Amino acid sequence: MPTTLTLKNIPDAVYEQLKATAALNRRSLNSEAIVCLETALTPGKLAPRERLARARALRASLRTNGFDTDTLDAMKRQGRA
């Protein structure tokens, strides 16, 4: 069951920053505070293999045009002419 937490004596600058970030993310102050706490207290740590697998998957998903380095260099030179 969720627990209620009351914060007192929040510095004005911190409150204003939280309020602005909440508005930017279209969240309530409460939701934004929860996201901030979750981010700070439970950082997503990935194993090196998992991080590498994600990087490789991202790199593979970006290969859509099939241009090699020589073709790209030729296109750049042609555009400068």
PDB file of N, CA and C in Angstrom:
ATOM      1  N   MET A   1       0.848  -1.172   0.000  1.00  0.00           N
ATOM      2  CA  MET A   1       0.000   0.000   0.000  1.00  0.00           C
ATOM      3  C   MET A   1       0.898   1.242   0.000  1.00  0.00           C
ATOM      4  N   PRO A   2       0.586   2.208  -0.840  1.00  0.00           N
ATOM      5  CA  PRO A   2       1.380   3.447  -0.867  1.00  0.00           C
ATOM      6  C   PRO A   2       1.338   4.176   0.467  1.00  0.00           C
ATOM      7  N   THR A   3       2.411   4.849   0.762  1.00  0.00           N
ATOM      8  CA  THR A   3       2.546   5.606   1.995  1.00  0.00           C
ATOM      9  C   THR A   3       2.537   7.092   1.672  1.00  0.00           C
ATOM     10  N   THR A   4       1.992   7.876   2.583  1.00  0.00           N
ATOM     11  CA  THR A   4       1.966   9.320   2.411  1.00  0.00           C
ATOM     12  C   THR A   4       3.189   9.921   3.074  1.00  0.00           C
ATOM     13  N   LEU A   5       3.782  10.914   2.398  1.00  0.00           N
ATOM     14  CA  LEU A   5       4.952  11.593   2.913  1.00  0.00           C
ATOM     15  C   LEU A   5       4.703  13.089   2.829  1.00  0.00           C
ATOM     16  N   THR A   6       4.928  13.791   3.903  1.00  0.00           N
ATOM     17  CA  THR A   6       4.801  15.245   3.917  1.00  0.00           C
ATOM     18  C   THR A   6       6.188  15.845   4.023  1.00  0.00           C
ATOM     19  N   LEU A   7       6.482  16.782   3.133  1.00  0.00           N
ATOM     20  CA  LEU A   7       7.776  17.453   3.164  1.00  0.00           C
ATOM     21  C   LEU A   7       7.590  18.860   3.707  1.00  0.00           C
ATOM     22  N   LYS A   8       8.446  19.241   4.629  1.00  0.00           N
ATOM     23  CA  LYS A   8       8.382  20.581   5.218  1.00  0.00           C
ATOM     24  C   LYS A   8       9.677  21.309   4.955  1.00  0.00           C
ATOM     25  N   ASN A   9       9.589  22.626   4.944  1.00  0.00           N
ATOM     26  CA  ASN A   9      10.761  23.497   4.808  1.00  0.00           C
ATOM     27  C   ASN A   9      11.549  23.250   3.519  1.00  0.00           C
ATOM     28  N   ILE A  10      10.827  23.024   2.432  1.00  0.00           N
ATOM     29  CA  ILE A  10      11.478  22.871   1.132  1.00  0.00           C
ATOM     30  C   ILE A  10      11.984  24.245   0.711  1.00  0.00           C
ATOM     31  N   PRO A  11      13.242  24.360   0.338  1.00  0.00           N
ATOM     32  CA  PRO A  11      13.751  25.660  -0.115  1.00  0.00           C
ATOM     33  C   PRO A  11      12.958  26.158  -1.333  1.00  0.00           C
ATOM     34  N   ASP A  12      12.731  27.459  -1.379  1.00  0.00           N
ATOM     35  CA  ASP A  12      11.939  28.039  -2.464  1.00  0.00           C
ATOM     36  C   ASP A  12      12.485  27.674  -3.840  1.00  0.00           C
ATOM     37  N   ALA A  13      13.793  27.703  -3.992  1.00  0.00           N
ATOM     38  CA  ALA A  13      14.395  27.404  -5.299  1.00  0.00           C
ATOM     39  C   ALA A  13      14.120  25.958  -5.714  1.00  0.00           C
ATOM     40  N   VAL A  14      14.182  25.041  -4.758  1.00  0.00           N
ATOM     41  CA  VAL A  14      13.919  23.630  -5.056  1.00  0.00           C
ATOM     42  C   VAL A  14      12.454  23.450  -5.429  1.00  0.00           C
ATOM     43  N   TYR A  15      11.577  24.111  -4.695  1.00  0.00           N
ATOM     44  CA  TYR A  15      10.140  24.026  -4.982  1.00  0.00           C
ATOM     45  C   TYR A  15       9.832  24.570  -6.374  1.00  0.00           C
ATOM     46  N   GLU A  16      10.405  25.701  -6.711  1.00  0.00           N
ATOM     47  CA  GLU A  16      10.148  26.308  -8.020  1.00  0.00           C
ATOM     48  C   GLU A  16      10.684  25.423  -9.148  1.00  0.00           C
ATOM     49  N   GLN A  17      11.845  24.822  -8.923  1.00  0.00           N
ATOM     50  CA  GLN A  17      12.412  23.937  -9.937  1.00  0.00           C
ATOM     51  C   GLN A  17      11.546  22.694 -10.107  1.00  0.00           C
ATOM     52  N   LEU A  18      11.077  22.129  -9.006  1.00  0.00           N
ATOM     53  CA  LEU A  18      10.195  20.965  -9.064  1.00  0.00           C
ATOM     54  C   LEU A  18       8.897  21.318  -9.782  1.00  0.00           C
ATOM     55  N   LYS A  19       8.356  22.480  -9.463  1.00  0.00           N
ATOM     56  CA  LYS A  19       7.112  22.938 -10.080  1.00  0.00           C
ATOM     57  C   LYS A  19       7.290  23.121 -11.595  1.00  0.00           C
ATOM     58  N   ALA A  20       8.407  23.725 -11.996  1.00  0.00           N
ATOM     59  CA  ALA A  20       8.670  23.953 -13.421  1.00  0.00           C
ATOM     60  C   ALA A  20       8.877  22.633 -14.158  1.00  0.00           C
ATOM     61  N   THR A  21       9.609  21.719 -13.534  1.00  0.00           N
ATOM     62  CA  THR A  21       9.850  20.421 -14.163  1.00  0.00           C
ATOM     63  C   THR A  21       8.563  19.624 -14.271  1.00  0.00           C
ATOM     64  N   ALA A  22       7.733  19.698 -13.261  1.00  0.00           N
ATOM     65  CA  ALA A  22       6.439  19.016 -13.300  1.00  0.00           C
ATOM     66  C   ALA A  22       5.585  19.553 -14.447  1.00  0.00           C
ATOM     67  N   ALA A  23       5.572  20.857 -14.609  1.00  0.00           N
ATOM     68  CA  ALA A  23       4.793  21.450 -15.700  1.00  0.00           C
ATOM     69  C   ALA A  23       5.359  21.022 -17.057  1.00  0.00           C
ATOM     70  N   LEU A  24       6.667  21.018 -17.165  1.00  0.00           N
ATOM     71  CA  LEU A  24       7.318  20.620 -18.409  1.00  0.00           C
ATOM     72  C   LEU A  24       6.979  19.175 -18.773  1.00  0.00           C
ATOM     73  N   ASN A  25       6.923  18.316 -17.778  1.00  0.00           N
ATOM     74  CA  ASN A  25       6.629  16.900 -17.995  1.00  0.00           C
ATOM     75  C   ASN A  25       5.145  16.573 -17.898  1.00  0.00           C
ATOM     76  N   ARG A  26       4.336  17.606 -17.711  1.00  0.00           N
ATOM     77  CA  ARG A  26       2.875  17.453 -17.593  1.00  0.00           C
ATOM     78  C   ARG A  26       2.502  16.483 -16.475  1.00  0.00           C
ATOM     79  N   ARG A  27       3.127  16.717 -15.319  1.00  0.00           N
ATOM     80  CA  ARG A  27       2.851  15.911 -14.133  1.00  0.00           C
ATOM     81  C   ARG A  27       2.418  16.820 -12.999  1.00  0.00           C
ATOM     82  N   SER A  28       1.795  16.222 -12.012  1.00  0.00           N
ATOM     83  CA  SER A  28       1.495  16.957 -10.794  1.00  0.00           C
ATOM     84  C   SER A  28       2.787  17.079 -10.001  1.00  0.00           C
ATOM     85  N   LEU A  29       2.795  17.989  -9.028  1.00  0.00           N
ATOM     86  CA  LEU A  29       3.966  18.103  -8.147  1.00  0.00           C
ATOM     87  C   LEU A  29       4.249  16.780  -7.447  1.00  0.00           C
ATOM     88  N   ASN A  30       3.211  16.122  -6.993  1.00  0.00           N
ATOM     89  CA  ASN A  30       3.358  14.842  -6.309  1.00  0.00           C
ATOM     90  C   ASN A  30       4.003  13.803  -7.219  1.00  0.00           C
ATOM     91  N   SER A  31       3.489  13.683  -8.435  1.00  0.00           N
ATOM     92  CA  SER A  31       4.046  12.705  -9.375  1.00  0.00           C
ATOM     93  C   SER A  31       5.497  13.023  -9.720  1.00  0.00           C
ATOM     94  N   GLU A  32       5.795  14.304  -9.914  1.00  0.00           N
ATOM     95  CA  GLU A  32       7.166  14.700 -10.238  1.00  0.00           C
ATOM     96  C   GLU A  32       8.106  14.388  -9.079  1.00  0.00           C
ATOM     97  N   ALA A  33       7.665  14.634  -7.852  1.00  0.00           N
ATOM     98  CA  ALA A  33       8.485  14.329  -6.678  1.00  0.00           C
ATOM     99  C   ALA A  33       8.752  12.830  -6.581  1.00  0.00           C
ATOM    100  N   ILE A  34       7.757  12.012  -6.887  1.00  0.00           N
ATOM    101  CA  ILE A  34       7.933  10.561  -6.852  1.00  0.00           C
ATOM    102  C   ILE A  34       8.938  10.124  -7.914  1.00  0.00           C
ATOM    103  N   VAL A  35       8.825  10.681  -9.122  1.00  0.00           N
ATOM    104  CA  VAL A  35       9.771  10.336 -10.187  1.00  0.00           C
ATOM    105  C   VAL A  35      11.185  10.733  -9.779  1.00  0.00           C
ATOM    106  N   CYS A  36      11.342  11.914  -9.204  1.00  0.00           N
ATOM    107  CA  CYS A  36      12.667  12.359  -8.754  1.00  0.00           C
ATOM    108  C   CYS A  36      13.234  11.430  -7.692  1.00  0.00           C
ATOM    109  N   LEU A  37      12.423  11.045  -6.741  1.00  0.00           N
ATOM    110  CA  LEU A  37      12.875  10.132  -5.695  1.00  0.00           C
ATOM    111  C   LEU A  37      13.242   8.765  -6.266  1.00  0.00           C
ATOM    112  N   GLU A  38      12.405   8.246  -7.173  1.00  0.00           N
ATOM    113  CA  GLU A  38      12.699   6.954  -7.787  1.00  0.00           C
ATOM    114  C   GLU A  38      14.013   7.005  -8.566  1.00  0.00           C
ATOM    115  N   THR A  39      14.219   8.084  -9.291  1.00  0.00           N
ATOM    116  CA  THR A  39      15.430   8.233 -10.093  1.00  0.00           C
ATOM    117  C   THR A  39      16.664   8.300  -9.204  1.00  0.00           C
ATOM    118  N   ALA A  40      16.556   9.029  -8.121  1.00  0.00           N
ATOM    119  CA  ALA A  40      17.704   9.199  -7.226  1.00  0.00           C
ATOM    120  C   ALA A  40      17.990   7.951  -6.396  1.00  0.00           C
ATOM    121  N   LEU A  41      16.950   7.252  -6.003  1.00  0.00           N
ATOM    122  CA  LEU A  41      17.129   6.146  -5.069  1.00  0.00           C
ATOM    123  C   LEU A  41      17.235   4.778  -5.729  1.00  0.00           C
ATOM    124  N   THR A  42      16.749   4.647  -6.937  1.00  0.00           N
ATOM    125  CA  THR A  42      16.816   3.360  -7.629  1.00  0.00           C
ATOM    126  C   THR A  42      17.362   3.568  -9.040  1.00  0.00           C
ATOM    127  N   PRO A  43      18.621   3.987  -9.128  1.00  0.00           N
ATOM    128  CA  PRO A  43      19.191   4.197 -10.461  1.00  0.00           C
ATOM    129  C   PRO A  43      19.251   2.888 -11.228  1.00  0.00           C
ATOM    130  N   GLY A  44      18.975   2.976 -12.511  1.00  0.00           N
ATOM    131  CA  GLY A  44      18.993   1.789 -13.355  1.00  0.00           C
ATOM    132  C   GLY A  44      20.414   1.377 -13.678  1.00  0.00           C
ATOM    133  N   LYS A  45      20.887   0.354 -13.013  1.00  0.00           N
ATOM    134  CA  LYS A  45      22.233  -0.145 -13.276  1.00  0.00           C
ATOM    135  C   LYS A  45      22.123  -1.344 -14.209  1.00  0.00           C
ATOM    136  N   LEU A  46      22.802  -1.225 -15.335  1.00  0.00           N
ATOM    137  CA  LEU A  46      22.811  -2.317 -16.285  1.00  0.00           C
ATOM    138  C   LEU A  46      24.147  -3.051 -16.208  1.00  0.00           C
ATOM    139  N   ALA A  47      24.064  -4.342 -16.391  1.00  0.00           N
ATOM    140  CA  ALA A  47      25.293  -5.125 -16.487  1.00  0.00           C
ATOM    141  C   ALA A  47      25.997  -4.711 -17.774  1.00  0.00           C
ATOM    142  N   PRO A  48      27.322  -4.771 -17.809  1.00  0.00           N
ATOM    143  CA  PRO A  48      28.044  -4.383 -19.026  1.00  0.00           C
ATOM    144  C   PRO A  48      27.557  -5.095 -20.277  1.00  0.00           C
ATOM    145  N   ARG A  49      27.253  -6.377 -20.166  1.00  0.00           N
ATOM    146  CA  ARG A  49      26.755  -7.120 -21.332  1.00  0.00           C
ATOM    147  C   ARG A  49      25.422  -6.573 -21.812  1.00  0.00           C
ATOM    148  N   GLU A  50      24.547  -6.225 -20.888  1.00  0.00           N
ATOM    149  CA  GLU A  50      23.244  -5.671 -21.258  1.00  0.00           C
ATOM    150  C   GLU A  50      23.411  -4.311 -21.916  1.00  0.00           C
ATOM    151  N   ARG A  51      24.272  -3.480 -21.379  1.00  0.00           N
ATOM    152  CA  ARG A  51      24.533  -2.162 -21.961  1.00  0.00           C
ATOM    153  C   ARG A  51      25.086  -2.301 -23.382  1.00  0.00           C
ATOM    154  N   LEU A  52      26.011  -3.236 -23.566  1.00  0.00           N
ATOM    155  CA  LEU A  52      26.601  -3.476 -24.882  1.00  0.00           C
ATOM    156  C   LEU A  52      25.549  -4.005 -25.861  1.00  0.00           C
ATOM    157  N   ALA A  53      24.706  -4.904 -25.388  1.00  0.00           N
ATOM    158  CA  ALA A  53      23.643  -5.441 -26.251  1.00  0.00           C
ATOM    159  C   ALA A  53      22.690  -4.340 -26.695  1.00  0.00           C
ATOM    160  N   ARG A  54      22.337  -3.435 -25.786  1.00  0.00           N
ATOM    161  CA  ARG A  54      21.455  -2.325 -26.147  1.00  0.00           C
ATOM    162  C   ARG A  54      22.121  -1.379 -27.138  1.00  0.00           C
ATOM    163  N   ALA A  55      23.416  -1.114 -26.940  1.00  0.00           N
ATOM    164  CA  ALA A  55      24.137  -0.241 -27.861  1.00  0.00           C
ATOM    165  C   ALA A  55      24.200  -0.864 -29.248  1.00  0.00           C
ATOM    166  N   ARG A  56      24.466  -2.155 -29.319  1.00  0.00           N
ATOM    167  CA  ARG A  56      24.519  -2.838 -30.612  1.00  0.00           C
ATOM    168  C   ARG A  56      23.160  -2.854 -31.292  1.00  0.00           C
ATOM    169  N   ALA A  57      22.106  -3.069 -30.536  1.00  0.00           N
ATOM    170  CA  ALA A  57      20.756  -3.055 -31.109  1.00  0.00           C
ATOM    171  C   ALA A  57      20.408  -1.668 -31.648  1.00  0.00           C
ATOM    172  N   LEU A  58      20.781  -0.635 -30.907  1.00  0.00           N
ATOM    173  CA  LEU A  58      20.527   0.726 -31.368  1.00  0.00           C
ATOM    174  C   LEU A  58      21.307   1.009 -32.643  1.00  0.00           C
ATOM    175  N   ARG A  59      22.575   0.635 -32.655  1.00  0.00           N
ATOM    176  CA  ARG A  59      23.406   0.851 -33.841  1.00  0.00           C
ATOM    177  C   ARG A  59      22.817   0.121 -35.044  1.00  0.00           C
ATOM    178  N   ALA A  60      22.361  -1.110 -34.855  1.00  0.00           N
ATOM    179  CA  ALA A  60      21.785  -1.888 -35.948  1.00  0.00           C
ATOM    180  C   ALA A  60      20.496  -1.249 -36.459  1.00  0.00           C
ATOM    181  N   SER A  61      19.722  -0.668 -35.550  1.00  0.00           N
ATOM    182  CA  SER A  61      18.463  -0.048 -35.978  1.00  0.00           C
ATOM    183  C   SER A  61      18.688   1.231 -36.769  1.00  0.00           C
ATOM    184  N   LEU A  62      19.864   1.833 -36.662  1.00  0.00           N
ATOM    185  CA  LEU A  62      20.154   3.066 -37.379  1.00  0.00           C
ATOM    186  C   LEU A  62      20.677   2.822 -38.788  1.00  0.00           C
ATOM    187  N   ARG A  63      21.016   1.607 -39.113  1.00  0.00           N
ATOM    188  CA  ARG A  63      21.550   1.270 -40.436  1.00  0.00           C
ATOM    189  C   ARG A  63      20.405   1.122 -41.431  1.00  0.00           C
ATOM    190  N   THR A  64      19.972   2.231 -41.976  1.00  0.00           N
ATOM    191  CA  THR A  64      18.858   2.172 -42.913  1.00  0.00           C
ATOM    192  C   THR A  64      19.246   2.564 -44.325  1.00  0.00           C
ATOM    193  N   ASN A  65      20.353   3.290 -44.492  1.00  0.00           N
ATOM    194  CA  ASN A  65      20.673   3.788 -45.817  1.00  0.00           C
ATOM    195  C   ASN A  65      21.741   2.971 -46.541  1.00  0.00           C
ATOM    196  N   GLY A  66      22.581   2.251 -45.853  1.00  0.00           N
ATOM    197  CA  GLY A  66      23.566   1.411 -46.480  1.00  0.00           C
ATOM    198  C   GLY A  66      24.733   2.140 -47.122  1.00  0.00           C
ATOM    199  N   PHE A  67      24.920   3.413 -46.832  1.00  0.00           N
ATOM    200  CA  PHE A  67      26.051   4.144 -47.389  1.00  0.00           C
ATOM    201  C   PHE A  67      27.328   3.756 -46.669  1.00  0.00           C
ATOM    202  N   ASP A  68      28.400   3.555 -47.444  1.00  0.00           N
ATOM    203  CA  ASP A  68      29.677   3.315 -46.821  1.00  0.00           C
ATOM    204  C   ASP A  68      30.450   4.632 -46.718  1.00  0.00           C
ATOM    205  N   THR A  69      31.590   4.588 -46.075  1.00  0.00           N
ATOM    206  CA  THR A  69      32.375   5.801 -45.827  1.00  0.00           C
ATOM    207  C   THR A  69      32.804   6.476 -47.125  1.00  0.00           C
ATOM    208  N   ASP A  70      33.234   5.684 -48.105  1.00  0.00           N
ATOM    209  CA  ASP A  70      33.679   6.266 -49.379  1.00  0.00           C
ATOM    210  C   ASP A  70      32.541   6.983 -50.099  1.00  0.00           C
ATOM    211  N   THR A  71      31.358   6.394 -50.079  1.00  0.00           N
ATOM    212  CA  THR A  71      30.200   7.023 -50.721  1.00  0.00           C
ATOM    213  C   THR A  71      29.852   8.329 -50.026  1.00  0.00           C
ATOM    214  N   LEU A  72      29.872   8.329 -48.703  1.00  0.00           N
ATOM    215  CA  LEU A  72      29.563   9.546 -47.965  1.00  0.00           C
ATOM    216  C   LEU A  72      30.587  10.637 -48.254  1.00  0.00           C
ATOM    217  N   ASP A  73      31.876  10.292 -48.305  1.00  0.00           N
ATOM    218  CA  ASP A  73      32.905  11.284 -48.621  1.00  0.00           C
ATOM    219  C   ASP A  73      32.696  11.852 -50.012  1.00  0.00           C
ATOM    220  N   ALA A  74      32.351  11.004 -50.979  1.00  0.00           N
ATOM    221  CA  ALA A  74      32.109  11.476 -52.354  1.00  0.00           C
ATOM    222  C   ALA A  74      30.909  12.421 -52.388  1.00  0.00           C
ATOM    223  N   MET A  75      29.855  12.108 -51.630  1.00  0.00           N
ATOM    224  CA  MET A  75      28.666  12.971 -51.581  1.00  0.00           C
ATOM    225  C   MET A  75      29.010  14.331 -50.979  1.00  0.00           C
ATOM    226  N   LYS A  76      29.841  14.323 -49.946  1.00  0.00           N
ATOM    227  CA  LYS A  76      30.254  15.590 -49.314  1.00  0.00           C
ATOM    228  C   LYS A  76      31.040  16.449 -50.305  1.00  0.00           C
ATOM    229  N   ARG A  77      31.977  15.802 -51.008  1.00  0.00           N
ATOM    230  CA  ARG A  77      32.768  16.574 -51.992  1.00  0.00           C
ATOM    231  C   ARG A  77      31.878  17.110 -53.110  1.00  0.00           C
ATOM    232  N   GLN A  78      30.921  16.329 -53.536  1.00  0.00           N
ATOM    233  CA  GLN A  78      30.018  16.767 -54.596  1.00  0.00           C
ATOM    234  C   GLN A  78      29.171  17.942 -54.123  1.00  0.00           C
ATOM    235  N   GLY A  79      28.740  17.927 -52.878  1.00  0.00           N
ATOM    236  CA  GLY A  79      27.934  19.018 -52.342  1.00  0.00           C
ATOM    237  C   GLY A  79      28.714  20.307 -52.174  1.00  0.00           C
ATOM    238  N   ARG A  80      30.012  20.212 -52.041  1.00  0.00           N
ATOM    239  CA  ARG A  80      30.850  21.392 -51.861  1.00  0.00           C
ATOM    240  C   ARG A  80      31.247  22.018 -53.193  1.00  0.00           C
ATOM    241  N   ALA A  81      31.074  21.273 -54.262  1.00  0.00           N
ATOM    242  CA  ALA A  81      31.514  21.778 -55.575  1.00  0.00           C
ATOM    243  C   ALA A  81      30.578  22.854 -56.106  1.00  0.00           C
TER     244      ALA A  81
END
